[in-house]
């Protein structure tokens, strides 16, 4: 039924003016029948019109003409056949919408709880790794001071070293022998002092260098955990926003549905009153019609079945994790996290480059954590190995040294052990300069069936056996000992590095498969 605009509906009170004759009222009712039919879109208004018409007819005692009665009957039937079914359908749809909106709050609440639990776990890892890194840097600072003192004293000792004896004025054999004896003693004592001081300086320098590397690894893991926490804190914030939006949407829906329930109850009552008014017109005598009309007016219906449960949503959750305002390698982050130890720390990587710490509840295989991006110049190895003789013809065998040339462009080979020894790049090995001569071994990779003992060029357990498609191999770089190619070294799985697989810890035990490559 299409509702008619207010401009096209004749004002109902005109039909009821007392100065009109009974015949004029009847004529008005006939003229307004079409408007009442269209007003069925508003059952309450339709019921009010019917109440006015029936009340006037009962009061006049004249009844209605067959035509008028037929029109009113059609209107009531239309209300029964359209409004009542619509009430049932709309009630079911609203109940379903409320349940769906309320369920969405619960689903988002679960996501908030999960993100909160993961962020809290990562927050604990950050605190633990911060403590570990900070303690390491404090130890490093002590070793740096000790190294400066020991090696500084050694340098001063070298500068000030002078023989304590002078040649005798009289060169008798006895005097010269005595002079040489004293000189020999000075020489032996000084040589012992030199060896001791040199060893002490060397040991202090090695200790510092070892601690720097150890602390660098701890810094990377700390910053990786911080980036992971910041990422999860952002996920928590987004989940919280989604939960908050779901609550707002539910409250809006609840308010609208509550208004609809009230309107449906009014419509349901209006339809049944309209049916009652129609029945009143068929009552036999004037007195009974008046009683029936009064009963219709006072009708109270049980509309409890039209109620829809509208529960209150849970109270607002606590916002337990805030979005990180700064992160590695921002100066504000470094100043806050490293304080006076900042000069000892590495530049670090941004969180876009930094791999994430393993997400709590994720796969058992953790995401490997790389160290800061190395420079392209390789670390000088402890000792160089002899470049293997070129091999021509035949299949690749375990233990062979190979070059890995990229197929995207000319003059691009894989090179490892760059920078601090962990960097991997593709470079022009045939540049006619240092890449072809000085850094040649960085482009050489030994194909191994196992990791070996870490020494470059060491024999493979499957030496002389051919490498087959499908074999899983290790690729050891020939520039320095204990460097194997490792992949999937980032949260996106696209990082590569050359690292010490046999470190006895994380690299050897936790991320072993990052060093394994399948030949395809």
Protein backbone atom coordinates (compact mmCIF):
# COMPACT_ATOMS: atom_id res chain seq x y z
CA UNK A 1 0.00 0.00 0.00
CA UNK A 2 1.45 3.36 -0.98
CA UNK A 3 1.01 6.03 1.73
CA UNK A 4 -0.56 9.21 0.44
CA UNK A 5 0.98 12.60 1.20
CA UNK A 6 -0.66 14.84 3.78
CA UNK A 7 -1.48 17.36 1.05
CA UNK A 8 -3.74 14.84 -0.72
CA UNK A 9 -5.73 13.72 2.35
CA UNK A 10 -8.89 15.66 3.22
CA UNK A 11 -8.83 16.74 6.87
CA UNK A 12 -10.85 14.11 8.79
CA UNK A 13 -12.41 16.58 11.24
CA UNK A 14 -14.37 18.09 8.37
CA UNK A 15 -16.30 14.82 8.17
CA UNK A 16 -17.34 15.12 11.78
CA UNK A 17 -18.52 18.69 12.13
CA UNK A 18 -21.68 18.72 14.22
CA UNK A 19 -23.58 21.20 12.06
CA UNK A 20 -23.61 18.72 9.15
CA UNK A 21 -26.69 16.64 8.68
CA UNK A 22 -26.62 12.86 9.00
CA UNK A 23 -26.78 12.64 5.25
CA UNK A 24 -23.82 15.02 4.94
CA UNK A 25 -21.78 12.86 7.32
CA UNK A 26 -22.60 9.78 5.25
CA UNK A 27 -21.57 11.60 2.12
CA UNK A 28 -18.31 12.58 3.81
CA UNK A 29 -17.65 9.00 4.80
CA UNK A 30 -18.16 7.84 1.23
CA UNK A 31 -15.86 10.59 -0.07
CA UNK A 32 -13.14 9.68 2.45
CA UNK A 33 -13.24 5.92 1.90
CA UNK A 34 -10.42 5.99 -0.65
CA UNK A 35 -8.23 8.06 1.68
CA UNK A 36 -8.78 5.60 4.54
CA UNK A 37 -7.80 2.73 2.26
CA UNK A 38 -4.54 4.47 1.40
CA UNK A 39 -3.93 5.41 5.04
CA UNK A 40 -3.62 1.69 5.87
CA UNK A 41 0.12 2.29 5.70
CA UNK A 42 -0.45 3.91 9.10
CA UNK A 43 -2.69 1.37 10.92
CA UNK A 44 -3.03 3.56 14.03
CA UNK A 45 -4.32 6.48 11.97
CA UNK A 46 -6.62 4.15 10.01
CA UNK A 47 -8.02 2.80 13.29
CA UNK A 48 -8.63 6.34 14.55
CA UNK A 49 -10.56 7.21 11.36
CA UNK A 50 -12.63 4.06 11.64
CA UNK A 51 -13.32 4.80 15.30
CA UNK A 52 -14.59 8.26 14.36
CA UNK A 53 -16.83 6.93 11.59
CA UNK A 54 -18.28 4.09 13.65
CA UNK A 55 -18.77 6.36 16.67
CA UNK A 56 -20.71 8.84 14.50
CA UNK A 57 -22.82 6.07 12.99
CA UNK A 58 -23.64 4.56 16.39
CA UNK A 59 -24.44 7.99 17.81
CA UNK A 60 -26.76 8.82 14.87
CA UNK A 61 -28.43 5.42 15.09
CA UNK A 62 -28.70 5.32 11.33
CA UNK A 63 -26.07 2.71 10.51
CA UNK A 64 -24.12 2.68 7.27
CA UNK A 65 -25.17 2.11 3.74
CA UNK A 66 -24.20 -1.20 2.14
CA UNK A 67 -21.60 0.63 0.06
CA UNK A 68 -20.05 2.30 3.13
CA UNK A 69 -20.06 -0.98 5.05
CA UNK A 70 -18.40 -2.77 2.15
CA UNK A 71 -15.65 -0.14 1.95
CA UNK A 72 -14.92 -0.33 5.70
CA UNK A 73 -14.97 -4.12 5.52
CA UNK A 74 -12.39 -4.02 2.72
CA UNK A 75 -10.21 -1.68 4.76
CA UNK A 76 -10.29 -3.97 7.82
CA UNK A 77 -9.56 -7.03 5.69
CA UNK A 78 -6.68 -5.18 4.12
CA UNK A 79 -5.28 -4.41 7.57
CA UNK A 80 -5.64 -8.05 8.62
CA UNK A 81 -4.02 -9.39 5.45
CA UNK A 82 -1.14 -6.93 5.16
CA UNK A 83 -0.36 -5.28 8.49
CA UNK A 84 -0.51 -8.37 10.69
CA UNK A 85 1.78 -10.51 8.43
CA UNK A 86 4.13 -7.53 8.07
CA UNK A 87 4.31 -7.22 11.86
CA UNK A 88 5.34 -10.87 12.11
CA UNK A 89 7.97 -10.60 9.37
CA UNK A 90 9.45 -7.34 10.64
CA UNK A 91 9.53 -8.67 14.20
CA UNK A 92 11.58 -11.70 13.07
CA UNK A 93 13.94 -9.58 10.98
CA UNK A 94 14.57 -7.13 13.82
CA UNK A 95 15.21 -9.98 16.27
CA UNK A 96 17.71 -11.45 13.84
CA UNK A 97 19.42 -8.07 13.31
CA UNK A 98 19.74 -7.49 17.06
CA UNK A 99 21.19 -10.96 17.58
CA UNK A 100 23.65 -10.46 14.72
CA UNK A 101 24.84 -7.08 16.02
CA UNK A 102 25.18 -8.40 19.56
CA UNK A 103 27.07 -11.46 18.31
CA UNK A 104 29.48 -9.18 16.41
CA UNK A 105 30.40 -7.52 19.70
CA UNK A 106 31.33 -10.91 21.11
CA UNK A 107 33.39 -11.84 18.05
CA UNK A 108 35.33 -8.57 18.17
CA UNK A 109 35.76 -8.96 21.92
CA UNK A 110 37.47 -12.31 21.32
CA UNK A 111 39.82 -10.66 18.80
CA UNK A 112 40.62 -7.92 21.31
CA UNK A 113 41.36 -10.53 23.98
CA UNK A 114 43.60 -12.50 21.62
CA UNK A 115 45.52 -9.41 20.50
CA UNK A 116 45.83 -8.30 24.11
CA UNK A 117 47.23 -11.69 25.16
CA UNK A 118 49.76 -11.74 22.30
CA UNK A 119 50.79 -8.12 22.89
CA UNK A 120 51.19 -8.80 26.61
CA UNK A 121 53.39 -11.82 25.88
CA UNK A 122 55.49 -9.80 23.44
CA UNK A 123 55.68 -6.99 25.99
CA UNK A 124 57.19 -9.49 28.41
CA UNK A 125 59.71 -10.58 25.77
CA UNK A 126 60.64 -6.95 25.14
CA UNK A 127 61.26 -6.35 28.84
CA UNK A 128 63.34 -9.52 29.15
CA UNK A 129 65.41 -8.81 26.04
CA UNK A 130 65.86 -5.16 27.02
CA UNK A 131 67.31 -6.32 30.34
CA UNK A 132 69.57 -8.83 28.59
CA UNK A 133 70.78 -6.28 26.04
CA UNK A 134 71.26 -3.52 28.61
CA UNK A 135 73.30 -5.83 30.87
CA UNK A 136 75.38 -6.89 27.85
CA UNK A 137 76.10 -3.26 26.92
CA UNK A 138 77.09 -2.44 30.50
CA UNK A 139 79.54 -5.36 30.43
CA UNK A 140 80.76 -4.16 27.03
CA UNK A 141 81.32 -0.67 28.43
CA UNK A 142 83.44 -2.16 31.19
CA UNK A 143 85.44 -4.20 28.70
CA UNK A 144 85.88 -1.14 26.47
CA UNK A 145 87.31 0.82 29.42
CA UNK A 146 89.50 -2.07 30.42
CA UNK A 147 90.72 -2.49 26.85
CA UNK A 148 91.54 1.20 26.56
CA UNK A 149 93.43 1.10 29.85
CA UNK A 150 95.38 -2.07 29.10
CA UNK A 151 96.23 -1.25 25.49
CA UNK A 152 96.86 2.42 26.40
CA UNK A 153 99.35 1.38 29.06
CA UNK A 154 100.93 -0.99 26.56
CA UNK A 155 101.33 1.81 24.01
CA UNK A 156 102.85 4.11 26.63
CA UNK A 157 105.17 1.34 27.74
CA UNK A 158 106.37 0.86 24.16
CA UNK A 159 107.01 4.59 23.79
CA UNK A 160 108.93 4.82 27.06
CA UNK A 161 110.93 1.62 26.75
CA UNK A 162 114.71 2.33 26.97
CA UNK A 163 117.64 0.13 28.08
CA UNK A 164 118.50 0.57 31.74
CA UNK A 165 122.24 -0.01 31.33
CA UNK A 166 124.97 2.01 29.58
CA UNK A 167 128.23 0.73 28.11
CA UNK A 168 131.19 0.90 30.56
CA UNK A 169 133.68 3.71 30.17
CA UNK A 170 136.55 1.29 30.50
CA UNK A 171 136.22 -1.56 28.12
CA UNK A 172 137.95 -4.33 29.97
CA UNK A 173 136.71 -7.86 29.33
CA UNK A 174 135.29 -7.95 32.86
CA UNK A 175 133.47 -4.66 32.42
CA UNK A 176 132.11 -5.64 29.01
CA UNK A 177 131.02 -9.05 30.31
CA UNK A 178 129.23 -7.38 33.21
CA UNK A 179 127.61 -4.93 30.79
CA UNK A 180 126.42 -7.73 28.51
CA UNK A 181 125.15 -9.73 31.46
CA UNK A 182 123.11 -6.77 32.65
CA UNK A 183 121.92 -6.10 29.10
CA UNK A 184 120.91 -9.72 28.64
CA UNK A 185 118.90 -9.60 31.84
CA UNK A 186 117.23 -6.37 30.74
CA UNK A 187 116.48 -7.88 27.36
CA UNK A 188 114.96 -11.05 28.83
CA UNK A 189 112.92 -9.16 31.40
CA UNK A 190 111.72 -6.66 28.79
CA UNK A 191 110.86 -9.42 26.32
CA UNK A 192 108.75 -11.12 28.99
CA UNK A 193 107.07 -7.82 29.78
CA UNK A 194 106.42 -7.24 26.07
CA UNK A 195 104.86 -10.67 25.61
CA UNK A 196 102.72 -10.29 28.72
CA UNK A 197 101.50 -6.78 27.87
CA UNK A 198 100.94 -7.65 24.23
CA UNK A 199 98.95 -10.75 25.22
CA UNK A 200 96.92 -8.75 27.73
CA UNK A 201 96.11 -6.08 25.12
CA UNK A 202 95.23 -8.73 22.55
CA UNK A 203 93.01 -10.63 24.99
CA UNK A 204 91.25 -7.40 25.98
CA UNK A 205 90.66 -6.48 22.32
CA UNK A 206 89.32 -9.96 21.51
CA UNK A 207 87.03 -9.82 24.55
CA UNK A 208 85.69 -6.44 23.44
CA UNK A 209 85.13 -7.56 19.88
CA UNK A 210 83.38 -10.73 21.03
CA UNK A 211 81.19 -8.75 23.41
CA UNK A 212 80.36 -6.21 20.68
CA UNK A 213 79.11 -8.99 18.43
CA UNK A 214 77.21 -10.64 21.28
CA UNK A 215 75.57 -7.35 22.24
CA UNK A 216 74.82 -6.57 18.60
CA UNK A 217 72.87 -9.81 18.31
CA UNK A 218 71.03 -9.05 21.55
CA UNK A 219 70.25 -5.53 20.30
CA UNK A 220 68.79 -6.90 17.08
CA UNK A 221 66.63 -9.36 18.98
CA UNK A 222 65.48 -6.68 21.39
CA UNK A 223 64.60 -4.28 18.56
CA UNK A 224 62.93 -7.08 16.61
CA UNK A 225 60.79 -7.88 19.65
CA UNK A 226 60.02 -4.18 20.08
CA UNK A 227 58.90 -3.95 16.45
CA UNK A 228 56.79 -7.09 16.90
CA UNK A 229 55.22 -5.62 20.02
CA UNK A 230 54.52 -2.32 18.26
CA UNK A 231 52.91 -4.22 15.40
CA UNK A 232 50.77 -6.26 17.80
CA UNK A 233 49.89 -3.15 19.81
CA UNK A 234 48.63 -1.61 16.56
CA UNK A 235 46.65 -4.79 15.86
CA UNK A 236 45.21 -4.55 19.37
CA UNK A 237 44.28 -0.90 18.77
CA UNK A 238 42.58 -1.78 15.49
CA UNK A 239 40.72 -4.69 17.13
CA UNK A 240 39.67 -2.40 19.96
CA UNK A 241 38.37 0.17 17.44
CA UNK A 242 36.44 -2.57 15.63
CA UNK A 243 34.95 -3.70 18.95
CA UNK A 244 34.02 -0.12 19.85
CA UNK A 245 32.41 0.39 16.42
CA UNK A 246 30.46 -2.87 16.87
CA UNK A 247 29.15 -1.64 20.22
CA UNK A 248 28.10 1.69 18.71
CA UNK A 249 26.37 -0.06 15.80
CA UNK A 250 24.56 -2.37 18.21
CA UNK A 251 23.38 0.52 20.38
CA UNK A 252 22.09 2.35 17.30
CA UNK A 253 20.30 -0.79 16.11
CA UNK A 254 18.90 -1.43 19.59
CA UNK A 255 17.46 2.07 19.80
CA UNK A 256 15.87 1.75 16.36
CA UNK A 257 14.47 -1.73 17.08
CA UNK A 258 13.06 -0.61 20.42
CA UNK A 259 11.15 2.17 18.65
CA UNK A 260 9.95 -0.36 16.04
CA UNK A 261 8.72 -2.74 18.76
CA UNK A 262 6.64 0.06 20.30
CA UNK A 263 5.23 0.97 16.87
CA UNK A 264 4.44 -2.67 16.02
CA UNK A 265 2.58 -3.14 19.32
CA UNK A 266 0.52 -0.03 18.54
CA UNK A 267 -0.20 -1.28 15.00
CA UNK A 268 -1.12 -4.74 16.25
CA UNK A 269 -3.58 -3.23 18.76
CA UNK A 270 -4.96 -0.83 16.13
CA UNK A 271 -5.74 -3.64 13.69
CA UNK A 272 -7.62 -5.63 16.31
CA UNK A 273 -9.55 -2.53 17.40
CA UNK A 274 -10.48 -1.88 13.75
CA UNK A 275 -11.76 -5.46 13.53
CA UNK A 276 -13.74 -4.82 16.72
CA UNK A 277 -15.27 -1.61 15.31
CA UNK A 278 -16.39 -3.48 12.22
CA UNK A 279 -18.01 -6.14 14.38
CA UNK A 280 -19.82 -3.36 16.30
CA UNK A 281 -21.63 -2.32 13.13
CA UNK A 282 -23.20 -5.80 12.95
CA UNK A 283 -24.55 -5.74 16.52
CA UNK A 284 -28.38 -5.88 16.55
CA UNK A 285 -29.61 -2.92 18.64
CA UNK A 286 -28.46 0.56 19.57
CA UNK A 287 -27.70 -0.20 23.20
CA UNK A 288 -25.59 -3.22 22.44
CA UNK A 289 -23.75 -1.35 19.71
CA UNK A 290 -22.86 1.40 22.21
CA UNK A 291 -21.56 -1.18 24.69
CA UNK A 292 -19.57 -2.93 21.96
CA UNK A 293 -18.10 0.39 20.84
CA UNK A 294 -16.99 1.17 24.39
CA UNK A 295 -15.41 -2.28 24.71
CA UNK A 296 -13.47 -1.67 21.48
CA UNK A 297 -12.19 1.63 22.77
CA UNK A 298 -10.98 0.07 26.05
CA UNK A 299 -9.49 -3.04 24.44
CA UNK A 300 -6.15 -4.12 26.03
CA UNK A 301 -4.20 -6.76 24.11
CA UNK A 302 -1.30 -8.96 25.29
CA UNK A 303 1.61 -7.92 23.07
CA UNK A 304 4.41 -9.53 25.09
CA UNK A 305 5.14 -11.89 22.19
CA UNK A 306 6.27 -8.85 20.19
CA UNK A 307 9.02 -8.07 22.70
CA UNK A 308 12.63 -8.49 21.49
CA UNK A 309 15.43 -9.10 23.95
CA UNK A 310 17.72 -6.07 23.88
CA UNK A 311 20.62 -6.91 26.24
CA UNK A 312 23.10 -4.33 27.43
CA UNK A 313 26.56 -4.74 25.86
CA UNK A 314 29.55 -5.43 28.05
CA UNK A 315 31.17 -2.39 29.58
CA UNK A 316 34.03 -0.76 27.73
CA UNK A 317 37.22 -2.81 27.79
CA UNK A 318 40.42 -1.42 29.20
CA UNK A 319 42.81 -0.09 26.58
CA UNK A 320 45.87 -1.95 27.88
CA UNK A 321 48.31 -1.37 25.00
CA UNK A 322 49.09 1.96 23.38
CA UNK A 323 50.36 2.50 19.86
CA UNK A 324 54.13 3.00 19.78
CA UNK A 325 54.95 6.65 19.08
CA UNK A 326 58.55 5.82 18.14
CA UNK A 327 60.45 2.67 17.28
CA UNK A 328 63.87 1.54 15.99
CA UNK A 329 65.97 3.26 14.82
CA UNK A 330 64.45 6.65 15.81
CA UNK A 331 66.67 8.93 17.88
CA UNK A 332 63.94 9.30 20.49
CA UNK A 333 63.71 5.51 20.76
CA UNK A 334 67.48 5.17 21.13
CA UNK A 335 67.69 7.97 23.69
CA UNK A 336 64.94 6.37 25.77
CA UNK A 337 65.97 2.72 25.52
CA UNK A 338 69.78 2.99 25.49
CA UNK A 339 70.40 6.22 27.41
CA UNK A 340 74.13 6.54 28.19
CA UNK A 341 74.92 3.30 26.39
CA UNK A 342 73.74 4.68 23.02
CA UNK A 343 77.29 5.27 21.65
CA UNK A 344 77.95 1.53 22.01
CA UNK A 345 74.87 0.44 20.04
CA UNK A 346 74.50 -0.32 16.35
CA UNK A 347 72.47 1.96 14.05
CA UNK A 348 69.84 -0.76 13.72
CA UNK A 349 67.06 -1.10 11.16
CA UNK A 350 63.61 0.37 10.85
CA UNK A 351 60.64 -1.82 11.73
CA UNK A 352 59.83 -2.06 8.01
CA UNK A 353 63.18 -3.83 7.56
CA UNK A 354 63.30 -5.48 10.97
CA UNK A 355 61.92 -9.01 11.18
CA UNK A 356 59.29 -9.74 13.76
CA UNK A 357 59.83 -11.87 16.80
CA UNK A 358 57.80 -15.09 16.63
CA UNK A 359 54.14 -14.24 17.14
CA UNK A 360 52.78 -16.02 20.22
CA UNK A 361 50.60 -18.91 19.14
CA UNK A 362 52.05 -18.91 15.61
CA UNK A 363 53.82 -21.81 13.89
CA UNK A 364 56.47 -23.70 15.80
CA UNK A 365 59.16 -22.64 13.34
CA UNK A 366 60.15 -19.08 14.39
CA UNK A 367 60.91 -16.25 12.03
CA UNK A 368 64.72 -15.90 12.02
CA UNK A 369 66.05 -12.59 13.28
CA UNK A 370 68.71 -10.96 11.07
CA UNK A 371 71.36 -8.53 12.20
CA UNK A 372 71.64 -4.96 10.86
CA UNK A 373 72.16 -4.60 7.12
CA UNK A 374 75.87 -5.02 6.35
CA UNK A 375 78.03 -2.87 4.16
CA UNK A 376 79.06 -4.34 0.83
CA UNK A 377 82.74 -4.62 1.72
CA UNK A 378 83.46 -8.06 3.22
CA UNK A 379 85.03 -8.61 6.61
CA UNK A 380 88.68 -9.59 6.38
CA UNK A 381 88.85 -13.33 7.12
CA UNK A 382 91.30 -14.81 9.63
CA UNK A 383 93.13 -16.52 6.81
CA UNK A 384 92.54 -16.81 3.11
CA UNK A 385 92.00 -20.07 1.32
CA UNK A 386 93.39 -20.99 -2.02
CA UNK A 387 90.94 -20.44 -4.85
CA UNK A 388 89.93 -23.86 -6.19
CA UNK A 389 90.84 -24.73 -9.74
CA UNK A 390 88.02 -24.28 -12.28
CA UNK A 391 86.03 -27.41 -13.01
CA UNK A 392 84.91 -28.11 -16.53
CA UNK A 393 82.29 -30.57 -17.69
CA UNK A 394 80.49 -33.23 -15.67
CA UNK A 395 77.88 -32.95 -12.92
CA UNK A 396 78.12 -30.95 -9.71
CA UNK A 397 79.32 -33.10 -6.83
CA UNK A 398 79.17 -32.59 -3.08
CA UNK A 399 82.17 -30.58 -1.97
CA UNK A 400 82.42 -28.67 -5.29
CA UNK A 401 82.94 -24.92 -5.20
CA UNK A 402 80.44 -23.09 -7.45
CA UNK A 403 79.43 -19.60 -8.51
CA UNK A 404 75.73 -18.65 -8.35
CA UNK A 405 74.93 -16.30 -11.24
CA UNK A 406 71.59 -14.50 -11.31
CA UNK A 407 69.54 -14.93 -14.48
CA UNK A 408 67.85 -11.52 -14.42
CA UNK A 409 70.77 -9.52 -15.81
CA UNK A 410 74.36 -9.92 -16.96
CA UNK A 411 77.32 -9.70 -14.57
CA UNK A 412 75.43 -10.43 -11.35
CA UNK A 413 76.66 -13.17 -8.99
CA UNK A 414 75.75 -14.00 -5.41
CA UNK A 415 78.31 -12.80 -2.88
CA UNK A 416 78.34 -13.52 0.87
CA UNK A 417 80.22 -12.67 4.09
CA UNK A 418 79.88 -8.97 3.32
CA UNK A 419 80.09 -6.18 5.88
CA UNK A 420 80.36 -7.74 9.33
CA UNK A 421 80.35 -11.18 7.71
CA UNK A 422 76.58 -11.59 7.51
CA UNK A 423 75.72 -9.55 4.41
CA UNK A 424 74.62 -11.04 1.08
CA UNK A 425 74.54 -9.06 -2.17
CA UNK A 426 74.63 -9.64 -5.91
CA UNK A 427 77.62 -7.95 -7.49
CA UNK A 428 79.77 -7.88 -10.60
CA UNK A 429 82.48 -10.44 -9.88
CA UNK A 430 84.15 -9.59 -13.21
CA UNK A 431 84.51 -5.87 -12.54
CA UNK A 432 88.23 -5.94 -13.29
CA UNK A 433 88.88 -4.58 -9.79
CA UNK A 434 88.53 -5.64 -6.18
CA UNK A 435 85.46 -7.81 -6.74
CA UNK A 436 87.39 -9.92 -9.22
CA UNK A 437 90.61 -10.07 -7.24
CA UNK A 438 90.51 -9.10 -3.57
CA UNK A 439 86.92 -10.22 -2.90
CA UNK A 440 86.78 -13.17 -5.26
CA UNK A 441 86.23 -15.77 -2.54
CA UNK A 442 83.02 -14.05 -1.43
CA UNK A 443 81.47 -15.25 -4.72
CA UNK A 444 82.45 -18.88 -4.17
CA UNK A 445 80.03 -21.33 -2.54
CA UNK A 446 80.77 -24.92 -1.51
CA UNK A 447 77.87 -27.30 -2.09
CA UNK A 448 77.58 -29.50 0.98
CA UNK A 449 75.34 -32.37 2.07
CA UNK A 450 75.81 -31.27 5.67
CA UNK A 451 77.14 -28.23 7.48
CA UNK A 452 80.59 -29.78 8.09
CA UNK A 453 82.81 -28.43 10.85
CA UNK A 454 82.76 -24.80 9.71
CA UNK A 455 86.18 -24.79 8.02
CA UNK A 456 86.17 -23.57 4.45
CA UNK A 457 86.85 -26.26 1.91
CA UNK A 458 86.59 -29.11 4.42
CA UNK A 459 85.71 -32.52 3.00
CA UNK A 460 82.03 -33.37 2.66
CA UNK A 461 80.64 -36.66 3.95
CA UNK A 462 79.27 -37.36 0.46
CA UNK A 463 82.34 -36.12 -1.42
CA UNK A 464 82.44 -37.09 -5.13
CA UNK A 465 78.75 -38.06 -5.10
CA UNK A 466 76.61 -36.19 -7.60
CA UNK A 467 74.07 -33.62 -6.48
CA UNK A 468 70.58 -34.64 -7.62
CA UNK A 469 67.48 -32.55 -8.29
CA UNK A 470 65.42 -32.54 -5.10
CA UNK A 471 68.48 -32.82 -2.82
CA UNK A 472 68.58 -30.49 0.19
CA UNK A 473 72.01 -28.87 0.46
CA UNK A 474 74.02 -26.37 2.52
CA UNK A 475 75.89 -23.55 0.71
CA UNK A 476 79.04 -22.52 2.59
CA UNK A 477 80.75 -19.29 1.62
CA UNK A 478 84.48 -19.47 0.84
CA UNK A 479 85.47 -16.05 2.20
CA UNK A 480 85.63 -16.97 5.87
CA UNK A 481 84.97 -19.90 8.17
CA UNK A 482 81.55 -20.56 9.70
CA UNK A 483 79.45 -18.76 7.12
CA UNK A 484 76.54 -20.51 5.40
CA UNK A 485 73.77 -19.04 3.25
CA UNK A 486 70.51 -18.59 5.19
CA UNK A 487 67.15 -17.52 3.75
CA UNK A 488 63.62 -16.47 4.80
CA UNK A 489 65.22 -14.04 7.26
CA UNK A 490 62.43 -11.54 7.72
CA UNK A 491 58.78 -11.29 8.71
CA UNK A 492 57.98 -11.30 4.98
CA UNK A 493 60.28 -14.28 4.39
CA UNK A 494 62.45 -12.40 1.86
CA UNK A 495 65.69 -11.77 3.77
CA UNK A 496 69.05 -13.51 3.18
CA UNK A 497 72.22 -13.57 5.22
CA UNK A 498 75.42 -15.54 5.75
CA UNK A 499 75.61 -16.61 9.36
CA UNK A 500 77.26 -19.08 11.72
CA UNK A 501 74.94 -22.08 11.59
CA UNK A 502 77.09 -23.89 14.19
CA UNK A 503 76.76 -21.23 16.88
CA UNK A 504 75.54 -23.79 19.39
CA UNK A 505 72.42 -21.76 20.02
CA UNK A 506 69.65 -20.01 18.11
CA UNK A 507 71.07 -20.47 14.60
CA UNK A 508 71.92 -24.13 15.09
CA UNK A 509 68.86 -25.22 17.02
CA UNK A 510 65.94 -22.87 16.37
CA UNK A 511 66.29 -21.89 12.70
CA UNK A 512 68.26 -24.78 11.23
CA UNK A 513 66.08 -25.15 8.14
CA UNK A 514 66.81 -21.57 7.00
CA UNK A 515 70.26 -22.90 6.00
CA UNK A 516 68.86 -25.74 3.88
CA UNK A 517 68.27 -25.26 0.16
CA UNK A 518 66.51 -27.66 -2.18
CA UNK A 519 67.98 -28.09 -5.67
CA UNK A 520 65.15 -27.94 -8.18
